[in-house]
Amino acid sequence: MNDIVSIPPEPASPAGATVSAGAFWPVIAIADVRAVLRIGGASMTHERLTEAVRFAMVDVTRQLTAWRVEQQANGYASLSEIDQDNVIDDKTALEVLFDRAVTQMAGAEMADRYPDLTATREGADRAETIMSVADDYRRSATRAIRAILGQTGTMVELV
């Protein structure tokens, strides 16, 4: 007699896995990023996603360095202390924007680095779609960063 034993899959990321970038910035939960992103399927391992989130945090926090220094000079020790009158689901609007910037930048990184494509015509068509998705993620992250900085969503340069 043969028995079939079903073993449930292990969680994609350990419970409570986070990435932090110092005391000023909010901690980013890997599970939250995974829930928002739809890239890579089973190939989105915990290690790959964590690496993408770390890269995204470096990128976003570097773009916001001068702004952070200014806020700290104004007496704010963390992002959560700024604009406390504008709260959404127990987070300040700035925390929501920071989460979005990091998550979307991580999505762009995942789409760029792990497109999970085949070498067929269908794969080439999918590559174009994935690159478009990466651009969309990057654009969304840029909008969130510009909103934190208090800038408009569009930057135009005269030539």
C-alpha atoms as a PDB file:
ATOM      1  CA  MET A   1       0.000   0.000   0.000  1.00  0.00           C
ATOM      2  CA  ASN A   2       1.295   3.428  -0.953  1.00  0.00           C
ATOM      3  CA  ASP A   3       0.521   6.492   1.086  1.00  0.00           C
ATOM      4  CA  ILE A   4       0.710   9.968  -0.295  1.00  0.00           C
ATOM      5  CA  VAL A   5       2.032  12.399   2.237  1.00  0.00           C
ATOM      6  CA  SER A   6       1.544  16.060   1.576  1.00  0.00           C
ATOM      7  CA  ILE A   7       4.146  18.333   3.089  1.00  0.00           C
ATOM      8  CA  PRO A   8       3.120  21.975   3.169  1.00  0.00           C
ATOM      9  CA  PRO A   9       5.594  24.346   1.565  1.00  0.00           C
ATOM     10  CA  GLU A  10       7.842  26.296   3.868  1.00  0.00           C
ATOM     11  CA  PRO A  11       7.052  29.985   4.207  1.00  0.00           C
ATOM     12  CA  ALA A  12       8.712  32.073   1.543  1.00  0.00           C
ATOM     13  CA  SER A  13      10.412  34.267   4.157  1.00  0.00           C
ATOM     14  CA  PRO A  14      10.944  33.704   7.872  1.00  0.00           C
ATOM     15  CA  ALA A  15       8.243  35.255  10.027  1.00  0.00           C
ATOM     16  CA  GLY A  16       9.231  38.715  11.165  1.00  0.00           C
ATOM     17  CA  ALA A  17      12.044  39.126   8.611  1.00  0.00           C
ATOM     18  CA  THR A  18      12.814  42.823   8.183  1.00  0.00           C
ATOM     19  CA  VAL A  19      15.359  45.216   6.723  1.00  0.00           C
ATOM     20  CA  SER A  20      16.293  48.414   8.534  1.00  0.00           C
ATOM     21  CA  ALA A  21      18.303  51.463   7.570  1.00  0.00           C
ATOM     22  CA  GLY A  22      19.002  53.165  10.869  1.00  0.00           C
ATOM     23  CA  ALA A  23      16.897  54.806  13.543  1.00  0.00           C
ATOM     24  CA  PHE A  24      15.417  57.559  11.356  1.00  0.00           C
ATOM     25  CA  TRP A  25      13.821  55.318   8.722  1.00  0.00           C
ATOM     26  CA  PRO A  26      10.979  52.813   9.260  1.00  0.00           C
ATOM     27  CA  VAL A  27      11.753  49.101   9.234  1.00  0.00           C
ATOM     28  CA  ILE A  28      10.544  47.315   6.094  1.00  0.00           C
ATOM     29  CA  ALA A  29       8.887  43.909   6.559  1.00  0.00           C
ATOM     30  CA  ILE A  30       9.925  41.428   3.874  1.00  0.00           C
ATOM     31  CA  ALA A  31       6.495  39.741   3.989  1.00  0.00           C
ATOM     32  CA  ASP A  32       4.803  43.071   3.203  1.00  0.00           C
ATOM     33  CA  VAL A  33       7.082  43.649   0.206  1.00  0.00           C
ATOM     34  CA  ARG A  34       6.459  40.091  -1.022  1.00  0.00           C
ATOM     35  CA  ALA A  35       2.691  40.594  -0.725  1.00  0.00           C
ATOM     36  CA  VAL A  36       2.798  43.746  -2.873  1.00  0.00           C
ATOM     37  CA  LEU A  37       5.215  42.557  -5.584  1.00  0.00           C
ATOM     38  CA  ARG A  38       4.205  40.083  -8.246  1.00  0.00           C
ATOM     39  CA  ILE A  39       7.550  39.279  -9.825  1.00  0.00           C
ATOM     40  CA  GLY A  40       9.544  36.089 -10.050  1.00  0.00           C
ATOM     41  CA  GLY A  41       6.994  33.607  -8.741  1.00  0.00           C
ATOM     42  CA  ALA A  42       8.726  30.706  -7.025  1.00  0.00           C
ATOM     43  CA  SER A  43      12.124  32.086  -8.042  1.00  0.00           C
ATOM     44  CA  MET A  44      11.653  34.991  -5.620  1.00  0.00           C
ATOM     45  CA  THR A  45      13.588  33.417  -2.778  1.00  0.00           C
ATOM     46  CA  HIS A  46      13.872  35.098   0.588  1.00  0.00           C
ATOM     47  CA  GLU A  47      17.538  35.849  -0.072  1.00  0.00           C
ATOM     48  CA  ARG A  48      16.886  37.445  -3.474  1.00  0.00           C
ATOM     49  CA  LEU A  49      14.029  39.543  -2.152  1.00  0.00           C
ATOM     50  CA  THR A  50      16.008  40.644   0.906  1.00  0.00           C
ATOM     51  CA  GLU A  51      18.917  41.659  -1.326  1.00  0.00           C
ATOM     52  CA  ALA A  52      16.553  43.677  -3.538  1.00  0.00           C
ATOM     53  CA  VAL A  53      15.009  45.401  -0.502  1.00  0.00           C
ATOM     54  CA  ARG A  54      18.469  46.244   0.870  1.00  0.00           C
ATOM     55  CA  PHE A  55      19.499  47.718  -2.475  1.00  0.00           C
ATOM     56  CA  ALA A  56      16.236  49.671  -2.636  1.00  0.00           C
ATOM     57  CA  MET A  57      16.754  51.052   0.876  1.00  0.00           C
ATOM     58  CA  VAL A  58      20.276  52.186  -0.016  1.00  0.00           C
ATOM     59  CA  ASP A  59      18.976  53.868  -3.165  1.00  0.00           C
ATOM     60  CA  VAL A  60      15.974  55.560  -1.518  1.00  0.00           C
ATOM     61  CA  THR A  61      17.785  56.690   1.638  1.00  0.00           C
ATOM     62  CA  ARG A  62      20.649  58.136  -0.436  1.00  0.00           C
ATOM     63  CA  GLN A  63      18.186  60.156  -2.486  1.00  0.00           C
ATOM     64  CA  LEU A  64      16.643  61.431   0.751  1.00  0.00           C
ATOM     65  CA  THR A  65      19.897  62.115   2.660  1.00  0.00           C
ATOM     66  CA  ALA A  66      19.827  65.927   2.426  1.00  0.00           C
ATOM     67  CA  TRP A  67      16.120  65.955   3.343  1.00  0.00           C
ATOM     68  CA  ARG A  68      16.750  63.655   6.343  1.00  0.00           C
ATOM     69  CA  VAL A  69      19.607  65.855   7.579  1.00  0.00           C
ATOM     70  CA  GLU A  70      17.326  68.891   7.341  1.00  0.00           C
ATOM     71  CA  GLN A  71      14.566  67.101   9.274  1.00  0.00           C
ATOM     72  CA  GLN A  72      17.000  66.007  11.977  1.00  0.00           C
ATOM     73  CA  ALA A  73      18.265  69.601  12.235  1.00  0.00           C
ATOM     74  CA  ASN A  74      14.630  70.587  12.821  1.00  0.00           C
ATOM     75  CA  GLY A  75      14.534  68.213  15.813  1.00  0.00           C
ATOM     76  CA  TYR A  76      12.912  65.111  14.309  1.00  0.00           C
ATOM     77  CA  ALA A  77      14.553  61.858  15.388  1.00  0.00           C
ATOM     78  CA  SER A  78      12.555  59.631  13.024  1.00  0.00           C
ATOM     79  CA  LEU A  79      10.295  59.803   9.993  1.00  0.00           C
ATOM     80  CA  SER A  80       7.307  58.818  12.132  1.00  0.00           C
ATOM     81  CA  GLU A  81       7.600  62.073  14.108  1.00  0.00           C
ATOM     82  CA  ILE A  82       7.067  64.253  11.030  1.00  0.00           C
ATOM     83  CA  ASP A  83       3.558  65.249   9.886  1.00  0.00           C
ATOM     84  CA  GLN A  84       1.746  63.293  12.607  1.00  0.00           C
ATOM     85  CA  ASP A  85      -1.541  64.974  11.667  1.00  0.00           C
ATOM     86  CA  ASN A  86      -1.590  63.046   8.385  1.00  0.00           C
ATOM     87  CA  VAL A  87      -1.970  59.393   9.482  1.00  0.00           C
ATOM     88  CA  ILE A  88      -3.179  56.478   7.357  1.00  0.00           C
ATOM     89  CA  ASP A  89      -3.660  53.049   8.991  1.00  0.00           C
ATOM     90  CA  ASP A  90      -1.476  53.996  11.976  1.00  0.00           C
ATOM     91  CA  LYS A  91       1.350  55.251   9.753  1.00  0.00           C
ATOM     92  CA  THR A  92       2.151  58.814   8.824  1.00  0.00           C
ATOM     93  CA  ALA A  93       1.740  59.667   5.158  1.00  0.00           C
ATOM     94  CA  LEU A  94       5.524  60.004   4.938  1.00  0.00           C
ATOM     95  CA  GLU A  95       5.986  56.459   6.271  1.00  0.00           C
ATOM     96  CA  VAL A  96       3.480  55.186   3.695  1.00  0.00           C
ATOM     97  CA  LEU A  97       5.401  56.993   0.956  1.00  0.00           C
ATOM     98  CA  PHE A  98       8.743  55.629   2.204  1.00  0.00           C
ATOM     99  CA  ASP A  99       7.353  52.066   2.275  1.00  0.00           C
ATOM    100  CA  ARG A 100       6.080  52.540  -1.259  1.00  0.00           C
ATOM    101  CA  ALA A 101       9.363  53.977  -2.518  1.00  0.00           C
ATOM    102  CA  VAL A 102      11.377  51.066  -1.098  1.00  0.00           C
ATOM    103  CA  THR A 103       8.889  48.397  -2.197  1.00  0.00           C
ATOM    104  CA  GLN A 104       8.608  49.752  -5.729  1.00  0.00           C
ATOM    105  CA  MET A 105      12.380  50.178  -6.067  1.00  0.00           C
ATOM    106  CA  ALA A 106      12.811  46.571  -4.876  1.00  0.00           C
ATOM    107  CA  GLY A 107      10.266  45.518  -7.504  1.00  0.00           C
ATOM    108  CA  ALA A 108      12.265  47.284 -10.199  1.00  0.00           C
ATOM    109  CA  GLU A 109      15.435  45.558  -8.996  1.00  0.00           C
ATOM    110  CA  MET A 110      13.731  42.146  -9.038  1.00  0.00           C
ATOM    111  CA  ALA A 111      12.309  42.725 -12.526  1.00  0.00           C
ATOM    112  CA  ASP A 112      15.706  43.847 -13.831  1.00  0.00           C
ATOM    113  CA  ARG A 113      17.775  41.074 -12.267  1.00  0.00           C
ATOM    114  CA  TYR A 114      15.473  38.055 -12.299  1.00  0.00           C
ATOM    115  CA  PRO A 115      13.180  38.226 -15.322  1.00  0.00           C
ATOM    116  CA  ASP A 116      12.736  34.414 -15.348  1.00  0.00           C
ATOM    117  CA  LEU A 117      12.641  34.247 -19.135  1.00  0.00           C
ATOM    118  CA  THR A 118      13.172  31.561 -21.735  1.00  0.00           C
ATOM    119  CA  ALA A 119      15.158  31.970 -24.949  1.00  0.00           C
ATOM    120  CA  THR A 120      12.046  31.657 -27.134  1.00  0.00           C
ATOM    121  CA  ARG A 121      10.042  34.303 -28.980  1.00  0.00           C
ATOM    122  CA  GLU A 122       7.542  34.179 -26.122  1.00  0.00           C
ATOM    123  CA  GLY A 123      10.426  34.818 -23.747  1.00  0.00           C
ATOM    124  CA  ALA A 124      11.561  37.811 -25.792  1.00  0.00           C
ATOM    125  CA  ASP A 125       8.022  39.218 -25.753  1.00  0.00           C
ATOM    126  CA  ARG A 126       7.890  38.642 -22.025  1.00  0.00           C
ATOM    127  CA  ALA A 127      11.257  40.374 -21.568  1.00  0.00           C
ATOM    128  CA  GLU A 128       9.805  43.526 -23.077  1.00  0.00           C
ATOM    129  CA  THR A 129       6.826  43.312 -20.718  1.00  0.00           C
ATOM    130  CA  ILE A 130       9.066  42.702 -17.684  1.00  0.00           C
ATOM    131  CA  MET A 131      11.253  45.697 -18.555  1.00  0.00           C
ATOM    132  CA  SER A 132       8.111  47.795 -18.862  1.00  0.00           C
ATOM    133  CA  VAL A 133       7.072  46.551 -15.411  1.00  0.00           C
ATOM    134  CA  ALA A 134      10.509  47.479 -14.021  1.00  0.00           C
ATOM    135  CA  ASP A 135      10.120  50.974 -15.460  1.00  0.00           C
ATOM    136  CA  ASP A 136       6.648  51.248 -13.917  1.00  0.00           C
ATOM    137  CA  TYR A 137       8.001  50.231 -10.504  1.00  0.00           C
ATOM    138  CA  ARG A 138      10.857  52.725 -10.807  1.00  0.00           C
ATOM    139  CA  ARG A 139       8.479  55.501 -11.853  1.00  0.00           C
ATOM    140  CA  SER A 140       6.220  54.773  -8.874  1.00  0.00           C
ATOM    141  CA  ALA A 141       9.207  54.838  -6.498  1.00  0.00           C
ATOM    142  CA  THR A 142      10.337  58.160  -7.954  1.00  0.00           C
ATOM    143  CA  ARG A 143       6.870  59.649  -7.441  1.00  0.00           C
ATOM    144  CA  ALA A 144       6.899  58.536  -3.789  1.00  0.00           C
ATOM    145  CA  ILE A 145      10.389  59.992  -3.220  1.00  0.00           C
ATOM    146  CA  ARG A 146       9.382  63.286  -4.842  1.00  0.00           C
ATOM    147  CA  ALA A 147       6.252  63.411  -2.660  1.00  0.00           C
ATOM    148  CA  ILE A 148       8.395  62.981   0.466  1.00  0.00           C
ATOM    149  CA  LEU A 149      10.588  65.837  -0.746  1.00  0.00           C
ATOM    150  CA  GLY A 150       7.491  67.972  -1.327  1.00  0.00           C
ATOM    151  CA  GLN A 151       8.141  68.144  -5.063  1.00  0.00           C
ATOM    152  CA  THR A 152       5.695  67.700  -7.902  1.00  0.00           C
ATOM    153  CA  GLY A 153       5.416  64.350  -9.620  1.00  0.00           C
ATOM    154  CA  THR A 154       6.888  65.618 -12.872  1.00  0.00           C
ATOM    155  CA  MET A 155      10.303  67.031 -13.615  1.00  0.00           C
ATOM    156  CA  VAL A 156      10.704  68.867 -16.903  1.00  0.00           C
ATOM    157  CA  GLU A 157      13.958  70.219 -18.273  1.00  0.00           C
ATOM    158  CA  LEU A 158      14.114  72.704 -21.116  1.00  0.00           C
ATOM    159  CA  VAL A 159      16.615  71.878 -23.803  1.00  0.00           C
END
